[in-house]
């Protein structure tokens, strides 16, 4: 019997080509689209709404594979969007794609796949699953420019053997050419960083969800009050524009302190930190290495560092100070091409 695979489909190029490749490899393929549409008036969801479902159905019909839609609207709101808003109100900068992956795409969908008798769950992510000594690991994609392993660090290690990433060995150009040659009826563009944010941006979403925040001071790193803000949820570490204050030199957000309800600003050199503390860590290898490379944001280069396991997580010390270490963002540790694991940044270390 052919192994059965459930593949998450958005109707876009990547997941559509991934479904085609799996079919050509001899799998019995079932397509699924998550309906993630937020409640009316509370944003949009181009990576999981009605448009995505219609586009995915067209592709599945063209490939001759079944397609189903699952209603995860409440789960998306409760497990991704509301926590996102609460984190911003706490003065942090969360990455909702990480939670969507962990809880929905590789949480609920993997459970659904197993319930449907599928041996695997597949997606159009650019990453690779590698096996050695009977254990499975997560590795970067062949196309380093499109690599998405950063977003997958929080997956349980025991689930890796049940995942397939057909695009991990391809380059984006090859995927696009394949879709064109097959004339696949794709209809959805690539997802945005915060796909559910309404036209007013994430700030409007946070305030619609939690109500207006209290105003407070904007202070310099030496404690001087420079101005006022109308809510800390409008600020993130590294931000320069929209501070609403004037100064003889460019100022950047150095810290967002929720307890004191204040925003701390300073010169660019104040953004650099020698290390960080991470909590809620997830290990995808046998152990944490003493040395590795760590990435503090998706678009940043992984930087050489030393690691130290502590009671509540990890301490990471960089060989070269890093700019804008931001609480709420993920830090992901690499050993060569392998993802060792990662965690959520709790704060900077000045060493």
Protein backbone atom coordinates (compact mmCIF):
# COMPACT_ATOMS: atom_id res chain seq x y z
CA UNK A 1 0.00 0.00 0.00
CA UNK A 2 1.12 3.55 -0.72
CA UNK A 3 1.90 5.72 2.29
CA UNK A 4 -0.72 8.40 2.82
CA UNK A 5 0.32 12.05 3.28
CA UNK A 6 -1.72 15.02 4.42
CA UNK A 7 -0.30 18.24 2.98
CA UNK A 8 -1.17 21.72 4.23
CA UNK A 9 -2.13 23.84 1.21
CA UNK A 10 -2.58 27.59 0.92
CA UNK A 11 -3.22 27.67 -2.82
CA UNK A 12 0.18 29.29 -3.36
CA UNK A 13 3.12 28.14 -5.44
CA UNK A 14 5.12 26.41 -2.71
CA UNK A 15 2.47 24.14 -1.19
CA UNK A 16 1.03 23.39 -4.64
CA UNK A 17 4.36 22.23 -6.07
CA UNK A 18 5.04 20.28 -2.86
CA UNK A 19 1.74 18.41 -3.36
CA UNK A 20 2.67 17.62 -6.97
CA UNK A 21 6.10 16.31 -5.95
CA UNK A 22 4.61 14.04 -3.30
CA UNK A 23 2.14 12.62 -5.79
CA UNK A 24 4.96 11.98 -8.26
CA UNK A 25 6.96 10.23 -5.54
CA UNK A 26 4.16 7.70 -5.18
CA UNK A 27 2.40 8.89 -2.05
CA UNK A 28 -1.36 8.93 -1.62
CA UNK A 29 -1.83 12.68 -1.15
CA UNK A 30 -4.65 14.51 0.62
CA UNK A 31 -4.72 18.30 0.62
CA UNK A 32 -5.98 20.35 3.56
CA UNK A 33 -6.50 24.08 4.03
CA UNK A 34 -6.95 25.68 7.42
CA UNK A 35 -9.70 28.28 7.70
CA UNK A 36 -8.02 30.83 9.97
CA UNK A 37 -10.29 33.80 9.26
CA UNK A 38 -10.44 36.11 12.31
CA UNK A 39 -13.81 37.33 13.61
CA UNK A 40 -15.46 39.99 11.47
CA UNK A 41 -13.78 43.36 11.69
CA UNK A 42 -10.69 41.97 13.43
CA UNK A 43 -8.17 41.67 10.67
CA UNK A 44 -7.66 39.45 7.65
CA UNK A 45 -5.99 36.13 6.99
CA UNK A 46 -4.56 35.78 3.47
CA UNK A 47 -2.64 32.63 4.41
CA UNK A 48 -5.75 30.80 5.60
CA UNK A 49 -9.05 32.29 4.51
CA UNK A 50 -11.73 31.76 1.89
CA UNK A 51 -9.47 32.85 -0.98
CA UNK A 52 -6.82 30.35 0.08
CA UNK A 53 -9.35 27.52 0.31
CA UNK A 54 -10.73 28.24 -3.17
CA UNK A 55 -7.24 28.41 -4.69
CA UNK A 56 -6.13 25.22 -2.95
CA UNK A 57 -9.23 23.39 -4.15
CA UNK A 58 -8.46 24.38 -7.75
CA UNK A 59 -4.92 23.04 -7.43
CA UNK A 60 -6.08 19.79 -5.84
CA UNK A 61 -8.63 19.30 -8.62
CA UNK A 62 -5.87 19.86 -11.20
CA UNK A 63 -3.65 17.31 -9.46
CA UNK A 64 -6.48 14.83 -8.96
CA UNK A 65 -6.17 14.67 -5.16
CA UNK A 66 -8.84 15.11 -2.48
CA UNK A 67 -9.11 18.42 -0.62
CA UNK A 68 -10.68 19.32 2.69
CA UNK A 69 -11.01 22.50 4.73
CA UNK A 70 -10.74 22.49 8.52
CA UNK A 71 -12.23 25.22 10.67
CA UNK A 72 -9.48 26.52 12.96
CA UNK A 73 -10.89 30.02 13.30
CA UNK A 74 -11.45 29.87 17.03
CA UNK A 75 -8.13 28.12 17.61
CA UNK A 76 -6.31 30.78 15.57
CA UNK A 77 -7.89 33.55 17.61
CA UNK A 78 -7.43 31.88 20.98
CA UNK A 79 -4.00 30.29 20.50
CA UNK A 80 -2.24 32.75 18.19
CA UNK A 81 -3.87 36.17 17.85
CA UNK A 82 -4.92 36.86 21.45
CA UNK A 83 -1.53 35.74 22.88
CA UNK A 84 0.13 37.92 20.22
CA UNK A 85 -1.81 40.95 21.46
CA UNK A 86 -1.05 40.19 25.12
CA UNK A 87 2.66 39.87 24.41
CA UNK A 88 2.78 43.28 22.75
CA UNK A 89 0.97 44.77 25.73
CA UNK A 90 3.70 43.26 27.93
CA UNK A 91 6.31 45.25 25.99
CA UNK A 92 7.51 42.28 23.96
CA UNK A 93 7.68 41.63 20.21
CA UNK A 94 6.23 38.19 19.48
CA UNK A 95 6.49 36.23 16.24
CA UNK A 96 3.02 34.78 15.53
CA UNK A 97 4.28 32.46 12.75
CA UNK A 98 6.12 30.44 15.37
CA UNK A 99 2.97 29.88 17.42
CA UNK A 100 0.88 29.17 14.34
CA UNK A 101 3.38 26.52 13.28
CA UNK A 102 3.66 24.94 16.71
CA UNK A 103 -0.01 24.91 17.64
CA UNK A 104 -1.88 24.70 14.34
CA UNK A 105 0.19 23.60 11.32
CA UNK A 106 2.26 21.03 13.21
CA UNK A 107 0.01 20.55 16.21
CA UNK A 108 -3.60 20.23 15.20
CA UNK A 109 -2.84 19.26 11.59
CA UNK A 110 -0.47 16.49 12.60
CA UNK A 111 -3.13 15.10 14.95
CA UNK A 112 -5.63 15.33 12.09
CA UNK A 113 -3.23 13.52 9.75
CA UNK A 114 -2.86 10.65 12.18
CA UNK A 115 -6.62 10.51 12.65
CA UNK A 116 -7.03 10.18 8.88
CA UNK A 117 -4.59 7.28 8.74
CA UNK A 118 -1.77 9.33 7.23
CA UNK A 119 1.83 8.35 7.85
CA UNK A 120 3.08 11.89 7.27
CA UNK A 121 2.19 15.56 7.38
CA UNK A 122 3.81 17.68 4.68
CA UNK A 123 4.11 21.42 4.08
CA UNK A 124 5.72 23.74 1.56
CA UNK A 125 8.36 24.98 4.02
CA UNK A 126 11.93 25.35 2.82
CA UNK A 127 13.69 23.08 5.33
CA UNK A 128 14.93 19.50 5.49
CA UNK A 129 14.38 16.49 7.71
CA UNK A 130 17.56 14.42 8.05
CA UNK A 131 18.00 11.00 9.62
CA UNK A 132 21.06 9.57 11.35
CA UNK A 133 21.41 6.64 13.70
CA UNK A 134 17.68 6.11 13.81
CA UNK A 135 17.01 9.69 14.95
CA UNK A 136 15.57 12.53 12.92
CA UNK A 137 16.76 16.12 12.89
CA UNK A 138 15.88 19.44 11.32
CA UNK A 139 18.30 21.02 8.83
CA UNK A 140 18.46 24.17 6.75
CA UNK A 141 17.17 24.14 3.18
CA UNK A 142 19.40 23.86 0.15
CA UNK A 143 18.22 27.33 -0.85
CA UNK A 144 19.75 29.35 1.98
CA UNK A 145 17.95 32.52 0.87
CA UNK A 146 14.57 30.87 1.40
CA UNK A 147 15.46 28.69 4.38
CA UNK A 148 12.61 28.61 6.93
CA UNK A 149 14.12 26.34 9.57
CA UNK A 150 14.12 29.32 11.97
CA UNK A 151 10.32 29.10 12.18
CA UNK A 152 10.36 25.37 12.94
CA UNK A 153 12.71 25.15 15.94
CA UNK A 154 9.84 24.61 18.41
CA UNK A 155 8.56 21.38 16.82
CA UNK A 156 8.73 18.35 19.13
CA UNK A 157 11.71 16.20 18.21
CA UNK A 158 9.61 13.06 18.30
CA UNK A 159 7.36 14.48 15.54
CA UNK A 160 10.13 15.07 13.01
CA UNK A 161 9.94 11.50 11.69
CA UNK A 162 6.33 12.19 10.69
CA UNK A 163 7.07 15.33 8.65
CA UNK A 164 7.93 15.82 4.98
CA UNK A 165 9.33 19.01 3.40
CA UNK A 166 9.53 18.25 -0.34
CA UNK A 167 10.92 21.71 -1.19
CA UNK A 168 13.89 21.49 1.14
CA UNK A 169 16.19 20.21 -1.59
CA UNK A 170 15.04 22.70 -4.24
CA UNK A 171 15.65 26.33 -5.01
CA UNK A 172 12.81 28.81 -5.20
CA UNK A 173 13.41 29.36 -8.93
CA UNK A 174 13.02 25.64 -9.60
CA UNK A 175 9.73 25.60 -7.68
CA UNK A 176 8.37 28.56 -9.62
CA UNK A 177 9.39 27.05 -12.96
CA UNK A 178 7.72 23.76 -12.04
CA UNK A 179 4.45 25.56 -11.25
CA UNK A 180 4.65 27.40 -14.58
CA UNK A 181 5.41 24.26 -16.59
CA UNK A 182 2.52 22.40 -14.96
CA UNK A 183 0.25 25.43 -15.36
CA UNK A 184 -0.94 24.98 -11.82
CA UNK A 185 -3.84 27.35 -11.06
CA UNK A 186 -2.15 28.95 -8.04
CA UNK A 187 -3.83 32.07 -6.76
CA UNK A 188 -2.39 33.21 -3.44
CA UNK A 189 0.77 35.25 -2.91
CA UNK A 190 3.39 34.58 -0.25
CA UNK A 191 2.19 35.15 3.31
CA UNK A 192 3.08 38.32 5.17
CA UNK A 193 4.96 38.57 8.46
CA UNK A 194 1.72 39.24 10.35
CA UNK A 195 -0.86 37.89 7.95
CA UNK A 196 -3.84 38.60 10.21
CA UNK A 197 -3.12 42.27 10.89
CA UNK A 198 -5.89 44.60 9.65
CA UNK A 199 -5.25 47.64 7.49
CA UNK A 200 -4.51 49.69 10.59
CA UNK A 201 -1.63 47.37 11.36
CA UNK A 202 -0.83 45.23 14.39
CA UNK A 203 -1.25 48.21 16.74
CA UNK A 204 -4.93 48.49 15.85
CA UNK A 205 -5.36 44.75 16.36
CA UNK A 206 -3.81 44.90 19.83
CA UNK A 207 -6.01 47.80 20.88
CA UNK A 208 -9.18 46.34 19.38
CA UNK A 209 -8.45 43.15 21.33
CA UNK A 210 -7.32 44.54 24.69
CA UNK A 211 -8.58 48.11 24.72
CA UNK A 212 -6.54 51.33 24.81
CA UNK A 213 -3.28 51.21 26.80
CA UNK A 214 -2.18 53.79 29.38
CA UNK A 215 0.21 56.55 28.30
CA UNK A 216 3.64 56.87 29.87
CA UNK A 217 7.10 58.42 29.60
CA UNK A 218 9.79 58.06 26.96
CA UNK A 219 13.14 58.25 28.75
CA UNK A 220 16.78 58.33 27.75
CA UNK A 221 19.16 55.59 28.84
CA UNK A 222 20.41 57.96 31.56
CA UNK A 223 16.88 58.35 32.96
CA UNK A 224 15.98 61.78 31.58
CA UNK A 225 12.38 62.15 30.42
CA UNK A 226 12.30 63.10 26.74
CA UNK A 227 8.62 62.81 25.91
CA UNK A 228 5.42 60.79 26.27
CA UNK A 229 3.99 57.74 24.52
CA UNK A 230 0.36 56.72 24.15
CA UNK A 231 1.00 53.01 24.69
CA UNK A 232 4.02 50.72 24.82
CA UNK A 233 2.43 48.38 22.29
CA UNK A 234 3.45 50.82 19.55
CA UNK A 235 7.17 50.28 20.16
CA UNK A 236 9.75 47.57 19.61
CA UNK A 237 13.47 47.33 20.27
CA UNK A 238 15.48 48.84 17.42
CA UNK A 239 12.70 51.16 16.27
CA UNK A 240 13.74 54.63 15.11
CA UNK A 241 10.71 56.11 13.37
CA UNK A 242 7.54 57.25 15.11
CA UNK A 243 9.10 58.08 18.49
CA UNK A 244 7.50 61.51 18.58
CA UNK A 245 10.53 63.20 20.09
CA UNK A 246 13.31 65.39 18.71
CA UNK A 247 16.98 65.10 19.57
CA UNK A 248 20.32 66.28 18.15
CA UNK A 249 21.25 62.68 17.28
CA UNK A 250 19.22 59.71 15.99
CA UNK A 251 17.55 57.78 18.81
CA UNK A 252 16.40 54.18 18.86
CA UNK A 253 14.20 52.15 21.17
CA UNK A 254 16.60 50.31 23.48
CA UNK A 255 14.01 48.74 25.80
CA UNK A 256 10.26 48.59 26.37
CA UNK A 257 9.66 48.30 30.12
CA UNK A 258 6.10 47.18 30.80
CA UNK A 259 6.34 47.26 34.59
CA UNK A 260 7.33 50.94 34.58
CA UNK A 261 5.17 51.58 31.47
CA UNK A 262 8.05 53.39 29.81
CA UNK A 263 10.00 53.32 26.58
CA UNK A 264 13.78 53.70 26.84
CA UNK A 265 15.64 55.27 23.92
CA UNK A 266 19.30 55.81 23.19
CA UNK A 267 21.96 56.09 20.48
CA UNK A 268 22.57 53.24 18.06
CA UNK A 269 25.50 51.87 20.07
CA UNK A 270 23.14 51.27 23.00
CA UNK A 271 21.29 48.68 20.89
CA UNK A 272 24.18 46.24 20.94
CA UNK A 273 24.28 43.43 23.50
CA UNK A 274 26.90 40.78 24.17
CA UNK A 275 24.39 38.06 24.90
CA UNK A 276 20.86 37.07 25.82
CA UNK A 277 18.72 34.93 28.08
CA UNK A 278 16.24 32.51 26.50
CA UNK A 279 13.37 30.58 28.09
CA UNK A 280 10.77 28.07 26.85
CA UNK A 281 13.58 26.29 25.03
CA UNK A 282 13.17 23.29 22.75
CA UNK A 283 16.00 20.88 22.00
CA UNK A 284 16.12 19.03 18.66
CA UNK A 285 19.48 17.33 19.26
CA UNK A 286 20.91 15.07 21.93
CA UNK A 287 22.37 17.99 23.88
CA UNK A 288 23.19 21.68 23.67
CA UNK A 289 26.68 22.31 22.30
CA UNK A 290 29.19 24.53 24.04
CA UNK A 291 29.70 26.44 20.79
CA UNK A 292 27.33 27.14 17.92
CA UNK A 293 25.76 29.85 15.82
CA UNK A 294 22.59 31.66 16.90
CA UNK A 295 20.08 33.66 14.89
CA UNK A 296 18.02 36.27 16.78
CA UNK A 297 15.66 37.11 13.91
CA UNK A 298 14.66 35.40 10.70
CA UNK A 299 16.43 37.88 8.42
CA UNK A 300 19.60 38.13 10.52
CA UNK A 301 22.70 36.03 9.96
CA UNK A 302 23.43 33.34 12.51
CA UNK A 303 26.31 34.59 14.67
CA UNK A 304 29.05 32.54 16.41
CA UNK A 305 28.38 32.15 20.11
CA UNK A 306 28.90 30.18 23.31
CA UNK A 307 26.00 28.51 25.09
CA UNK A 308 25.37 27.85 28.75
CA UNK A 309 22.44 25.82 30.08
CA UNK A 310 20.83 27.43 33.13
CA UNK A 311 17.91 26.45 35.34
CA UNK A 312 15.27 28.36 33.40
CA UNK A 313 16.66 28.00 29.89
CA UNK A 314 19.78 29.15 28.05
CA UNK A 315 22.32 31.92 28.21
CA UNK A 316 23.95 32.74 24.87
CA UNK A 317 27.11 34.84 24.64
CA UNK A 318 28.03 36.17 21.20
CA UNK A 319 31.57 36.52 19.91
CA UNK A 320 30.52 39.90 18.49
CA UNK A 321 27.77 42.04 20.10
CA UNK A 322 24.43 41.78 18.32
CA UNK A 323 22.06 44.61 17.44
CA UNK A 324 18.49 44.80 18.77
CA UNK A 325 18.19 41.69 20.92
CA UNK A 326 14.41 41.75 21.32
CA UNK A 327 12.36 40.06 24.07
CA UNK A 328 9.58 37.94 22.60
CA UNK A 329 11.47 37.05 19.44
CA UNK A 330 12.97 33.61 18.92
CA UNK A 331 16.63 32.71 19.10
CA UNK A 332 17.56 29.60 17.11
CA UNK A 333 20.84 27.73 17.52
CA UNK A 334 22.59 25.96 14.64
CA UNK A 335 25.45 23.46 14.50
CA UNK A 336 26.51 23.52 10.87
CA UNK A 337 23.36 22.87 8.85
CA UNK A 338 21.50 21.29 11.77
CA UNK A 339 19.03 23.11 13.98
CA UNK A 340 20.03 22.31 17.56
CA UNK A 341 17.00 24.05 19.03
CA UNK A 342 15.93 27.44 20.28
CA UNK A 343 13.85 29.45 22.65
CA UNK A 344 12.13 32.76 23.32
CA UNK A 345 14.34 35.74 24.11
CA UNK A 346 13.69 37.01 27.64
CA UNK A 347 16.27 39.76 27.79
CA UNK A 348 19.74 40.92 26.89
CA UNK A 349 22.98 40.19 28.69
CA UNK A 350 25.57 42.92 28.84
CA UNK A 351 28.96 41.20 29.04
